[in-house]
Amino acid sequence: MSSDGNRKQFWKRNAAKVPGSIQHVYGAQHPPFDPLLHANLIKAGNKPPPATPGKPKKATTFQEFESITSDAWDVGDDDDELLAMAAQNLNIEVVMETANKVIENHSKQQERQRLDDTTELEQREEDTQEEVAEDEEEDVEDEEDRAEEGDVTSPELSFASQSSPYTDGRLVKSHSEAPIGSPKEAAGECAALHRQRSLPHRPPVIPLVARMADQNTSGTPAMTEREASRLDKFKQLLAGPNTDLEELRKLSWSGIPRQVRPITWKLLSGYLPANAERRESVLQRKRQEYFGFIQQYYDSRNDEHHQDTYRQIHIDIPRTNPLIPLFQQASVQEIFERILFIWAIRHPASGYVQGINDLVTPFFVVYVFEYIEEEVENFDVSSLQEEALRNIEADSFWCMSKLLDGIQDNYTFAQPGIQRKVKALEELVSRIDESVHRHMQQYEVEYLQFAFRWMNNLLMRELPLRCTIRLWDTYQAEPEGFSHFHLYVCAAFLVRWRKEILEERDFQGLMILLQNLPTMHWGNEEVSVLLAEAYRLKFAFADAPNHYKR
């Protein structure tokens, strides 16, 4: 079948997933795509504006660079190796070499870990097999003794150990169905079944639905010495009368410990003031203000001119993280409905757009952690006191509002912000990995067809929720993280799958891959490497927009 024929068949089957005229991308609905507007946006805005006005100050030593990036490369114990470069003058080659070295070291560490795990598993299998062999010898001796005494094989043994050659190894139901064999053969098959049941089964390091607590895919302990030290740094910084927000951003770049994440997110988002004495009064005032909006506006959801908005929100809420029981609870869905409806009423320029419902979930989960110690995905929120639930709801609303204030042009009519970012992503990828870019061109894959969702949902549909929370630690710490740095994360994310992309040889295969990337078992380590790569791209391209063009 021709390439064009494949594309038509694919779009016919997957029309609900493709951005276009009121179509869905895994539950995200968008306004009609206007090709003329898209062309004008590309013509007018094909060069992203510099991150800061004027010429940025260039770091001259690695110490200055390190102080700016803080823990940008904090994915392992590479600090000493990086600081050894301090005497060198910093230029773009040094940055590239440094980032590559960190990522390469991380890959080597993972490979060593895999080899260690394999060796350990083989040793355990060997030990188990030795134990089974000893048991087997004892069983055979017992069988021989019983045979000499005239005993017959027990029905239990025939059910558990005998298999018919005509049934592909199925277990037979009775002694009469079992093939005739010597006691040694019977005991050998019993031992084989015993061995199969006895071998150590390595459980998946992260459950399918994914625990949202801080953890790495390598299954490391909950709190290492390094993590304990970082937690102490956070506590010391937050304990002062006035929190130094710049220092807090530097410290937060490489991840925020779960224990201090709620207050850190509130500070970094601008919801709480840096002055510790004012925080409680600000919280009370903002929470009262939110519930004032509820009293003023929420009953109007039944008005005719708000029916479309409320109906769409009501449809989308059950689709939000459907595999996580927490979000299927009626009380949680009511909280989300109120948050989204009030936000839509207060932002008539965009109103509610499908995809915004996803953006509430990280805030909600983080602020639930403020009141509980256990895992959250199966937690019954109705067991919380009413005041705690009200606080979680109001805090989630205000922090989501702060986030959306910075990216609202993503959700206004025709979503021009997203269209500009997708175009910038295409130009960036064409510079950093021409092979991937040309491969997608060859099979006529448009970036808008897969990256629209990446921008609309901030990669939340591509990553497990625990990874999104870790990613947002850095977004909160990075200036214009959600609106600007996200572009470089998407570019690094796309190139991360270059091998899988280049192996696909048709349009349909590429689209299926790009819409279902295998990240279910990702954890903090994978996100940290992704962020390091994104930072390298930002350093190279953010203040040099001409690099986008050849």
Protein backbone atom coordinates (compact mmCIF):
# COMPACT_ATOMS: atom_id res chain seq x y z
CA MET A 1 0.00 0.00 0.00
CA SER A 2 1.29 3.51 -0.76
CA SER A 3 2.47 5.90 1.97
CA ASP A 4 -0.50 8.14 1.21
CA GLY A 5 -2.88 5.20 1.59
CA ASN A 6 -1.34 4.27 4.94
CA ARG A 7 -1.82 7.82 6.19
CA LYS A 8 -5.48 7.90 5.19
CA GLN A 9 -6.18 4.60 6.92
CA PHE A 10 -4.33 5.73 10.05
CA TRP A 11 -6.22 9.03 10.32
CA LYS A 12 -9.51 7.25 9.74
CA ARG A 13 -8.82 4.91 12.67
CA ASN A 14 -7.21 7.54 14.91
CA ALA A 15 -9.18 10.68 14.05
CA ALA A 16 -10.04 11.22 17.70
CA LYS A 17 -6.37 11.55 18.59
CA VAL A 18 -5.25 14.08 16.00
CA PRO A 19 -5.34 17.83 16.56
CA GLY A 20 -7.61 19.51 14.08
CA SER A 21 -11.17 20.62 13.72
CA ILE A 22 -12.63 19.95 17.16
CA GLN A 23 -10.87 16.63 17.57
CA HIS A 24 -9.27 15.02 20.57
CA VAL A 25 -5.75 14.15 21.59
CA TYR A 26 -6.30 11.51 24.27
CA GLY A 27 -9.12 13.53 25.78
CA ALA A 28 -7.78 16.99 24.98
CA GLN A 29 -10.10 19.03 22.76
CA HIS A 30 -8.88 22.05 20.82
CA PRO A 31 -10.32 24.87 18.76
CA PRO A 32 -10.25 24.52 14.96
CA PHE A 33 -6.78 24.69 13.49
CA ASP A 34 -6.50 27.66 11.13
CA PRO A 35 -3.80 27.05 8.46
CA LEU A 36 -3.69 30.75 7.54
CA LEU A 37 -3.21 31.76 11.17
CA HIS A 38 -0.58 29.03 11.53
CA ALA A 39 1.31 30.37 8.50
CA ASN A 40 1.14 33.94 9.83
CA LEU A 41 2.36 32.83 13.23
CA ILE A 42 5.27 31.00 11.66
CA LYS A 43 6.14 33.99 9.49
CA ALA A 44 5.88 36.44 12.37
CA GLY A 45 7.31 34.38 15.18
CA ASN A 46 9.69 31.81 13.83
CA LYS A 47 12.45 33.00 16.14
CA PRO A 48 11.81 32.61 19.86
CA PRO A 49 12.58 35.85 21.73
CA PRO A 50 15.74 35.89 23.83
CA ALA A 51 15.22 34.76 27.40
CA THR A 52 16.49 38.07 28.75
CA PRO A 53 16.80 41.50 27.12
CA GLY A 54 20.26 42.63 26.21
CA LYS A 55 23.39 40.56 25.97
CA PRO A 56 23.59 38.01 28.81
CA LYS A 57 26.67 37.90 30.96
CA LYS A 58 28.92 35.04 29.93
CA ALA A 59 30.29 32.83 32.68
CA THR A 60 34.08 32.77 32.56
CA THR A 61 34.89 29.94 34.93
CA PHE A 62 33.28 26.68 35.78
CA GLN A 63 32.65 27.88 39.37
CA GLU A 64 30.48 30.69 37.98
CA PHE A 65 28.73 28.28 35.65
CA GLU A 66 28.20 25.80 38.49
CA SER A 67 26.81 28.50 40.78
CA ILE A 68 24.34 29.54 38.07
CA THR A 69 23.16 26.03 37.30
CA SER A 70 23.36 24.79 40.88
CA ASP A 71 22.51 21.10 40.70
CA ALA A 72 21.69 21.03 37.01
CA TRP A 73 23.86 17.97 36.58
CA ASP A 74 23.02 16.36 39.91
CA VAL A 75 22.20 12.88 38.68
CA GLY A 76 25.09 11.06 40.32
CA ASP A 77 28.29 11.64 42.22
CA ASP A 78 29.97 13.60 39.45
CA ASP A 79 30.58 16.83 41.35
CA ASP A 80 34.30 16.26 41.92
CA GLU A 81 34.82 15.40 38.29
CA LEU A 82 33.03 18.52 37.14
CA LEU A 83 34.79 20.84 39.59
CA ALA A 84 38.14 19.55 38.35
CA MET A 85 37.42 21.61 35.24
CA ALA A 86 37.29 24.83 37.25
CA ALA A 87 40.56 26.17 35.91
CA GLN A 88 39.33 26.11 32.33
CA ASN A 89 37.72 29.12 30.70
CA LEU A 90 34.11 28.31 30.01
CA ASN A 91 32.85 28.27 26.45
CA ILE A 92 30.19 26.38 24.57
CA GLU A 93 32.48 23.43 23.88
CA VAL A 94 33.18 23.06 27.60
CA VAL A 95 29.47 23.09 28.41
CA MET A 96 28.73 20.49 25.77
CA GLU A 97 31.62 18.31 26.91
CA THR A 98 30.60 18.62 30.56
CA ALA A 99 26.96 17.71 29.93
CA ASN A 100 27.95 14.81 27.71
CA LYS A 101 30.36 13.56 30.36
CA VAL A 102 27.68 13.62 33.05
CA ILE A 103 25.16 11.81 30.86
CA GLU A 104 27.80 9.28 29.77
CA ASN A 105 28.79 8.66 33.42
CA HIS A 106 25.14 8.17 34.28
CA SER A 107 24.79 5.58 31.51
CA LYS A 108 27.88 3.74 32.75
CA GLN A 109 26.51 3.74 36.31
CA GLN A 110 23.23 2.27 35.08
CA GLU A 111 25.11 -0.39 33.09
CA ARG A 112 27.21 -1.32 36.14
CA GLN A 113 24.04 -1.49 38.24
CA ARG A 114 22.42 -3.80 35.68
CA LEU A 115 25.49 -6.04 35.62
CA ASP A 116 25.57 -6.17 39.44
CA ASP A 117 21.86 -7.03 39.53
CA THR A 118 22.33 -9.75 36.91
CA THR A 119 25.27 -11.26 38.79
CA GLU A 120 23.32 -11.21 42.05
CA LEU A 121 20.29 -12.83 40.39
CA GLU A 122 22.44 -15.55 38.80
CA GLN A 123 24.09 -16.27 42.16
CA ARG A 124 20.69 -16.55 43.84
CA GLU A 125 19.49 -18.89 41.09
CA GLU A 126 22.64 -21.00 41.51
CA ASP A 127 22.13 -21.24 45.28
CA THR A 128 18.47 -22.10 44.80
CA GLN A 129 19.28 -24.78 42.24
CA GLU A 130 21.78 -26.36 44.63
CA GLU A 131 19.10 -26.46 47.33
CA VAL A 132 16.58 -27.93 44.88
CA ALA A 133 19.10 -30.55 43.74
CA GLU A 134 19.58 -31.63 47.35
CA ASP A 135 15.80 -31.82 47.83
CA GLU A 136 15.53 -33.76 44.58
CA GLU A 137 18.04 -36.37 45.78
CA GLU A 138 16.11 -36.75 49.01
CA ASP A 139 12.81 -37.09 47.11
CA VAL A 140 14.27 -39.75 44.81
CA GLU A 141 15.61 -41.71 47.77
CA ASP A 142 12.21 -41.50 49.46
CA GLU A 143 10.49 -42.68 46.27
CA GLU A 144 12.87 -45.63 45.91
CA ASP A 145 12.27 -46.60 49.55
CA ARG A 146 8.50 -46.46 49.04
CA ALA A 147 8.75 -48.45 45.81
CA GLU A 148 10.72 -51.15 47.60
CA GLU A 149 8.06 -51.26 50.32
CA GLY A 150 5.28 -51.52 47.69
CA ASP A 151 3.83 -47.99 48.11
CA VAL A 152 2.24 -46.24 45.12
CA THR A 153 2.69 -42.63 44.09
CA SER A 154 0.24 -40.40 45.92
CA PRO A 155 -2.58 -38.72 43.93
CA GLU A 156 -1.27 -35.33 45.04
CA LEU A 157 2.11 -36.04 43.49
CA SER A 158 0.58 -37.23 40.24
CA PHE A 159 -1.51 -34.03 40.01
CA ALA A 160 1.37 -31.74 40.84
CA SER A 161 4.21 -33.33 38.93
CA GLN A 162 3.03 -35.41 35.97
CA SER A 163 2.35 -33.85 32.62
CA SER A 164 1.04 -35.44 29.44
CA PRO A 165 3.18 -35.33 26.27
CA TYR A 166 -0.03 -34.79 24.31
CA THR A 167 -1.17 -31.65 26.13
CA ASP A 168 1.83 -29.34 25.82
CA GLY A 169 2.74 -29.72 29.46
CA ARG A 170 -0.74 -29.26 30.96
CA LEU A 171 -1.13 -30.73 34.43
CA VAL A 172 -3.18 -33.95 34.45
CA LYS A 173 -6.08 -34.36 36.84
CA SER A 174 -5.62 -37.91 38.11
CA HIS A 175 -3.12 -40.74 38.43
CA SER A 176 -4.91 -42.70 35.69
CA GLU A 177 -4.30 -39.90 33.16
CA ALA A 178 -0.60 -39.69 33.96
CA PRO A 179 1.91 -41.31 31.61
CA ILE A 180 3.70 -44.33 33.04
CA GLY A 181 7.22 -43.46 34.16
CA SER A 182 9.82 -44.38 36.69
CA PRO A 183 9.83 -42.85 40.16
CA LYS A 184 13.06 -41.02 39.26
CA GLU A 185 11.34 -39.33 36.29
CA ALA A 186 8.39 -38.38 38.48
CA ALA A 187 10.64 -36.93 41.13
CA GLY A 188 12.67 -35.08 38.47
CA GLU A 189 9.56 -33.39 37.08
CA CYS A 190 8.44 -32.52 40.59
CA ALA A 191 11.83 -30.94 41.25
CA ALA A 192 11.62 -28.98 37.98
CA LEU A 193 8.22 -27.58 38.97
CA HIS A 194 9.56 -26.86 42.45
CA ARG A 195 12.53 -25.02 40.93
CA GLN A 196 10.24 -22.96 38.71
CA ARG A 197 8.20 -21.92 41.74
CA SER A 198 11.26 -21.35 43.94
CA LEU A 199 13.35 -19.11 41.67
CA PRO A 200 13.40 -15.53 42.90
CA HIS A 201 10.96 -13.37 40.94
CA ARG A 202 12.14 -9.79 40.70
CA PRO A 203 9.09 -7.59 41.22
CA PRO A 204 8.69 -4.53 39.02
CA VAL A 205 10.57 -1.72 40.69
CA ILE A 206 7.68 0.68 40.14
CA PRO A 207 4.05 -0.51 40.01
CA LEU A 208 2.11 -0.14 36.77
CA VAL A 209 -0.03 2.69 38.08
CA ALA A 210 3.08 4.15 39.67
CA ARG A 211 3.69 5.19 43.21
CA MET A 212 4.06 8.92 43.35
CA ALA A 213 6.58 9.11 46.19
CA ASP A 214 10.14 10.17 45.43
CA GLN A 215 12.01 7.15 44.16
CA ASN A 216 14.34 5.99 41.43
CA THR A 217 13.74 3.13 39.05
CA SER A 218 16.79 1.39 40.46
CA GLY A 219 14.89 0.78 43.69
CA THR A 220 17.32 2.70 45.88
CA PRO A 221 16.51 3.29 49.57
CA ALA A 222 13.97 5.99 50.37
CA MET A 223 16.54 8.31 51.96
CA THR A 224 20.25 8.13 51.14
CA GLU A 225 22.88 10.15 52.96
CA ARG A 226 23.05 12.56 50.03
CA GLU A 227 19.26 13.03 50.05
CA ALA A 228 19.25 13.57 53.82
CA SER A 229 21.90 16.26 53.40
CA ARG A 230 19.82 18.02 50.72
CA LEU A 231 16.73 17.88 52.93
CA ASP A 232 18.69 19.58 55.71
CA LYS A 233 19.73 22.35 53.30
CA PHE A 234 16.08 22.94 52.36
CA LYS A 235 14.97 23.03 55.99
CA GLN A 236 17.69 25.52 56.93
CA LEU A 237 16.80 27.77 54.01
CA LEU A 238 13.07 27.65 54.76
CA ALA A 239 13.53 28.21 58.50
CA GLY A 240 14.80 31.76 58.16
CA PRO A 241 12.61 34.84 58.63
CA ASN A 242 12.97 35.71 54.93
CA THR A 243 13.54 32.90 52.44
CA ASP A 244 16.12 33.67 49.75
CA LEU A 245 14.06 32.68 46.70
CA GLU A 246 17.07 32.71 44.39
CA GLU A 247 18.89 30.21 46.58
CA LEU A 248 15.70 28.18 46.87
CA ARG A 249 15.45 27.99 43.06
CA LYS A 250 19.06 26.81 42.77
CA LEU A 251 18.51 24.16 45.40
CA SER A 252 15.21 23.04 43.86
CA TRP A 253 16.53 22.64 40.32
CA SER A 254 17.64 19.04 40.86
CA GLY A 255 14.50 18.00 42.75
CA ILE A 256 12.69 18.85 45.97
CA PRO A 257 12.35 16.35 48.85
CA ARG A 258 8.76 15.26 49.40
CA GLN A 259 8.73 16.59 52.99
CA VAL A 260 9.30 20.22 51.93
CA ARG A 261 7.78 20.17 48.44
CA PRO A 262 4.38 21.71 49.39
CA ILE A 263 5.81 24.90 50.92
CA THR A 264 8.58 25.12 48.32
CA TRP A 265 6.12 24.97 45.42
CA LYS A 266 3.96 27.63 47.05
CA LEU A 267 6.97 29.91 47.45
CA LEU A 268 8.39 29.35 43.97
CA SER A 269 5.03 29.86 42.28
CA GLY A 270 4.60 33.23 44.02
CA TYR A 271 1.57 32.07 45.99
CA LEU A 272 3.33 32.58 49.34
CA PRO A 273 5.54 35.55 50.28
CA ALA A 274 9.20 35.10 51.18
CA ASN A 275 8.57 36.70 54.58
CA ALA A 276 7.71 33.92 57.03
CA GLU A 277 5.58 36.12 59.33
CA ARG A 278 3.19 37.06 56.52
CA ARG A 279 2.59 33.55 55.19
CA GLU A 280 -0.22 32.47 57.48
CA SER A 281 -2.25 35.64 56.95
CA VAL A 282 -1.77 35.40 53.17
CA LEU A 283 -2.92 31.77 53.17
CA GLN A 284 -6.05 32.58 55.16
CA ARG A 285 -6.92 35.51 52.94
CA LYS A 286 -6.40 33.64 49.64
CA ARG A 287 -8.34 30.59 50.83
CA GLN A 288 -11.26 32.77 51.93
CA GLU A 289 -11.11 34.59 48.60
CA TYR A 290 -11.34 31.31 46.66
CA PHE A 291 -14.36 30.09 48.59
CA GLY A 292 -15.90 33.52 48.08
CA PHE A 293 -15.66 32.81 44.34
CA ILE A 294 -17.39 29.47 44.94
CA GLN A 295 -20.31 31.19 46.67
CA GLN A 296 -20.47 33.89 44.01
CA TYR A 297 -20.07 31.87 40.81
CA TYR A 298 -20.48 28.14 41.26
CA ASP A 299 -24.27 28.10 41.24
CA SER A 300 -24.17 29.76 37.80
CA ARG A 301 -22.90 26.48 36.31
CA ASN A 302 -26.58 25.71 35.69
CA ASP A 303 -27.10 28.93 33.71
CA GLU A 304 -27.63 28.44 30.01
CA HIS A 305 -24.58 30.44 28.88
CA HIS A 306 -22.29 28.34 31.15
CA GLN A 307 -23.79 24.98 30.27
CA ASP A 308 -21.26 24.12 27.56
CA THR A 309 -18.31 24.90 29.82
CA TYR A 310 -19.64 22.94 32.77
CA ARG A 311 -20.71 19.99 30.61
CA GLN A 312 -17.23 19.71 29.08
CA ILE A 313 -15.56 19.88 32.50
CA HIS A 314 -17.97 17.27 33.82
CA ILE A 315 -17.06 14.96 30.92
CA ASP A 316 -13.30 15.45 31.27
CA ILE A 317 -12.91 14.97 35.02
CA PRO A 318 -13.40 11.15 35.01
CA ARG A 319 -10.80 10.95 32.21
CA THR A 320 -8.15 12.55 34.39
CA ASN A 321 -5.62 9.85 35.34
CA PRO A 322 -8.25 7.09 35.04
CA LEU A 323 -5.86 4.37 36.26
CA ILE A 324 -5.23 6.06 39.62
CA PRO A 325 -8.05 5.35 42.13
CA LEU A 326 -7.50 8.66 43.94
CA PHE A 327 -8.90 10.63 41.02
CA GLN A 328 -11.97 8.44 40.66
CA GLN A 329 -13.30 9.33 44.11
CA ALA A 330 -16.46 11.43 43.97
CA SER A 331 -15.17 14.02 46.45
CA VAL A 332 -11.97 14.53 44.44
CA GLN A 333 -13.90 14.92 41.19
CA GLU A 334 -16.15 17.52 42.81
CA ILE A 335 -13.06 19.47 43.93
CA PHE A 336 -11.66 19.39 40.38
CA GLU A 337 -14.98 20.51 38.90
CA ARG A 338 -15.11 23.54 41.20
CA ILE A 339 -11.49 24.50 40.55
CA LEU A 340 -11.84 24.29 36.76
CA PHE A 341 -15.22 26.00 36.58
CA ILE A 342 -14.11 28.94 38.74
CA TRP A 343 -10.92 29.31 36.70
CA ALA A 344 -12.89 29.29 33.43
CA ILE A 345 -15.37 31.91 34.69
CA ARG A 346 -12.51 34.17 35.81
CA HIS A 347 -10.60 33.81 32.51
CA PRO A 348 -13.14 34.46 29.74
CA ALA A 349 -10.41 35.14 27.13
CA SER A 350 -9.63 31.44 27.00
CA GLY A 351 -12.32 29.77 29.07
CA TYR A 352 -11.97 26.08 29.75
CA VAL A 353 -9.95 24.07 27.21
CA GLN A 354 -9.52 20.32 27.45
CA GLY A 355 -6.08 19.57 28.81
CA ILE A 356 -6.26 22.15 31.59
CA ASN A 357 -7.86 19.46 33.77
CA ASP A 358 -4.53 17.58 33.78
CA LEU A 359 -2.69 20.60 35.19
CA VAL A 360 -4.55 20.47 38.51
CA THR A 361 -3.38 16.95 39.40
CA PRO A 362 0.29 17.57 40.37
CA PHE A 363 -0.69 20.41 42.70
CA PHE A 364 -3.48 18.38 44.25
CA VAL A 365 -1.22 15.39 44.92
CA VAL A 366 1.60 17.51 46.36
CA TYR A 367 -0.76 19.37 48.70
CA VAL A 368 -2.42 16.14 49.85
CA PHE A 369 1.07 14.99 50.91
CA GLU A 370 1.09 17.93 53.31
CA TYR A 371 -1.46 16.07 55.46
CA ILE A 372 -0.61 12.38 55.04
CA GLU A 373 2.45 10.10 55.34
CA GLU A 374 1.25 7.08 53.34
CA GLU A 375 1.09 6.64 49.57
CA VAL A 376 -1.55 8.73 47.92
CA GLU A 377 -2.85 6.81 44.89
CA ASN A 378 -5.28 4.69 46.95
CA PHE A 379 -5.80 7.18 49.77
CA ASP A 380 -9.41 7.94 50.74
CA VAL A 381 -9.53 11.73 50.88
CA SER A 382 -12.88 11.66 52.69
CA SER A 383 -10.92 10.57 55.78
CA LEU A 384 -9.27 14.00 55.91
CA GLN A 385 -10.81 16.76 58.00
CA GLU A 386 -12.97 19.19 56.07
CA GLU A 387 -10.61 22.10 56.77
CA ALA A 388 -7.67 20.17 55.29
CA LEU A 389 -9.66 19.38 52.14
CA ARG A 390 -10.66 23.02 51.75
CA ASN A 391 -7.04 24.11 52.12
CA ILE A 392 -5.88 21.59 49.51
CA GLU A 393 -8.56 22.75 47.08
CA ALA A 394 -7.85 26.48 47.47
CA ASP A 395 -4.06 26.04 47.30
CA SER A 396 -4.37 23.88 44.16
CA PHE A 397 -6.59 26.51 42.51
CA TRP A 398 -4.25 29.42 43.16
CA CYS A 399 -1.06 27.60 42.15
CA MET A 400 -2.66 26.28 38.96
CA SER A 401 -3.81 29.84 38.22
CA LYS A 402 -0.24 31.12 38.68
CA LEU A 403 1.02 28.50 36.24
CA LEU A 404 -1.63 29.27 33.62
CA ASP A 405 -1.01 33.02 33.88
CA GLY A 406 2.37 32.38 32.26
CA ILE A 407 1.08 30.21 29.39
CA GLN A 408 -2.44 31.51 28.79
CA ASP A 409 -1.81 32.07 25.07
CA ASN A 410 -1.62 28.28 24.84
CA TYR A 411 -5.36 28.19 25.50
CA THR A 412 -6.83 31.25 23.79
CA PHE A 413 -8.65 30.89 20.47
CA ALA A 414 -6.69 28.73 17.96
CA GLN A 415 -4.06 28.29 20.68
CA PRO A 416 -1.37 30.45 19.04
CA GLY A 417 1.13 29.88 21.86
CA ILE A 418 1.17 26.15 21.19
CA GLN A 419 1.47 26.61 17.45
CA ARG A 420 4.50 28.88 17.90
CA LYS A 421 6.15 26.42 20.29
CA VAL A 422 5.58 23.47 17.97
CA LYS A 423 7.20 25.41 15.12
CA ALA A 424 10.13 26.32 17.37
CA LEU A 425 10.46 22.65 18.36
CA GLU A 426 10.64 21.60 14.71
CA GLU A 427 13.37 24.14 13.97
CA LEU A 428 15.31 23.18 17.09
CA VAL A 429 15.21 19.44 16.33
CA SER A 430 16.34 20.13 12.74
CA ARG A 431 19.49 21.69 14.24
CA ILE A 432 20.28 19.20 17.02
CA ASP A 433 19.43 15.94 15.22
CA GLU A 434 19.09 16.26 11.48
CA SER A 435 18.66 12.49 11.04
CA VAL A 436 15.52 12.39 13.18
CA HIS A 437 14.15 15.52 11.50
CA ARG A 438 14.72 14.22 7.96
CA HIS A 439 13.32 10.80 8.91
CA MET A 440 10.02 12.37 9.97
CA GLN A 441 9.98 14.52 6.86
CA GLN A 442 10.58 11.44 4.72
CA TYR A 443 7.47 9.75 6.12
CA GLU A 444 5.44 12.98 6.18
CA VAL A 445 5.01 13.20 9.94
CA GLU A 446 4.06 16.74 10.97
CA TYR A 447 5.32 17.90 14.37
CA LEU A 448 1.90 19.35 15.12
CA GLN A 449 0.42 15.85 14.91
CA PHE A 450 2.26 14.61 18.02
CA ALA A 451 3.79 17.65 19.73
CA PHE A 452 0.52 19.56 20.08
CA ARG A 453 -0.33 17.33 23.02
CA TRP A 454 3.18 17.72 24.46
CA MET A 455 2.66 21.49 24.65
CA ASN A 456 -1.03 21.42 25.57
CA ASN A 457 -0.59 18.98 28.46
CA LEU A 458 3.04 19.80 29.36
CA LEU A 459 4.07 16.17 28.68
CA MET A 460 1.68 14.94 31.37
CA ARG A 461 0.16 12.35 29.00
CA GLU A 462 3.64 11.10 28.07
CA LEU A 463 5.08 10.61 31.60
CA PRO A 464 3.89 8.93 34.82
CA LEU A 465 2.57 11.38 37.39
CA ARG A 466 5.56 10.88 39.70
CA CYS A 467 7.83 11.99 36.83
CA THR A 468 5.67 15.04 36.14
CA ILE A 469 5.99 16.10 39.78
CA ARG A 470 9.78 15.74 39.61
CA LEU A 471 9.82 17.64 36.29
CA TRP A 472 7.77 20.45 37.79
CA ASP A 473 10.29 20.84 40.61
CA THR A 474 12.69 22.08 37.94
CA TYR A 475 10.03 24.03 36.02
CA GLN A 476 9.19 25.93 39.22
CA ALA A 477 12.89 26.64 39.78
CA GLU A 478 13.70 27.61 36.19
CA PRO A 479 12.82 31.17 35.06
CA GLU A 480 9.84 30.83 32.72
CA GLY A 481 10.10 27.09 33.13
CA PHE A 482 6.61 26.23 31.92
CA SER A 483 6.61 28.64 29.00
CA HIS A 484 10.25 28.62 27.87
CA PHE A 485 12.30 25.76 29.30
CA HIS A 486 9.55 23.27 28.41
CA LEU A 487 10.48 23.68 24.73
CA TYR A 488 13.99 22.34 25.38
CA VAL A 489 12.65 19.49 27.49
CA CYS A 490 10.39 18.47 24.59
CA ALA A 491 13.34 18.59 22.18
CA ALA A 492 15.48 16.46 24.50
CA PHE A 493 12.55 14.10 25.00
CA LEU A 494 12.06 13.60 21.26
CA VAL A 495 15.75 12.98 20.56
CA ARG A 496 15.85 10.56 23.51
CA TRP A 497 13.85 8.14 21.31
CA ARG A 498 15.96 8.61 18.15
CA LYS A 499 16.82 4.90 17.89
CA GLU A 500 13.18 3.82 18.09
CA ILE A 501 12.14 6.61 15.69
CA LEU A 502 14.74 5.71 13.06
CA GLU A 503 13.71 2.04 13.21
CA GLU A 504 10.13 2.88 12.18
CA ARG A 505 9.76 2.82 8.41
CA ASP A 506 6.26 4.12 7.80
CA PHE A 507 3.96 6.95 8.82
CA GLN A 508 1.61 4.78 10.85
CA GLY A 509 4.40 3.16 12.89
CA LEU A 510 5.94 6.53 13.68
CA MET A 511 2.66 8.03 14.84
CA ILE A 512 1.81 5.06 17.04
CA LEU A 513 5.28 5.23 18.62
CA LEU A 514 5.19 8.98 19.22
CA GLN A 515 1.75 8.80 20.82
CA ASN A 516 2.63 5.83 23.07
CA LEU A 517 6.26 6.26 24.16
CA PRO A 518 7.37 3.60 26.70
CA THR A 519 7.91 5.69 29.84
CA MET A 520 5.70 3.80 32.32
CA HIS A 521 8.67 2.69 34.41
CA TRP A 522 10.56 5.98 34.33
CA GLY A 523 11.70 7.48 37.62
CA ASN A 524 13.82 10.33 38.98
CA GLU A 525 17.02 9.24 37.26
CA GLU A 526 15.53 9.30 33.77
CA VAL A 527 13.93 12.70 34.41
CA SER A 528 17.22 14.09 35.74
CA VAL A 529 19.12 13.03 32.62
CA LEU A 530 16.36 14.49 30.43
CA LEU A 531 16.61 17.81 32.29
CA ALA A 532 20.42 17.89 32.00
CA GLU A 533 20.12 17.40 28.25
CA ALA A 534 17.42 20.10 28.05
CA TYR A 535 19.60 22.54 30.00
CA ARG A 536 22.46 21.92 27.60
CA LEU A 537 20.16 22.74 24.67
CA LYS A 538 18.87 25.87 26.39
CA PHE A 539 22.40 27.08 27.09
CA ALA A 540 23.32 26.59 23.43
CA PHE A 541 20.18 28.00 21.79
CA ALA A 542 18.08 30.17 24.12
CA ASP A 543 20.13 33.34 23.76
CA ALA A 544 21.22 32.59 20.20
CA PRO A 545 18.02 32.40 18.14
CA ASN A 546 20.03 32.52 14.90
CA HIS A 547 21.22 29.01 15.75
CA TYR A 548 17.74 27.83 14.83
CA LYS A 549 18.45 28.71 11.22
CA ARG A 550 21.08 27.29 8.94
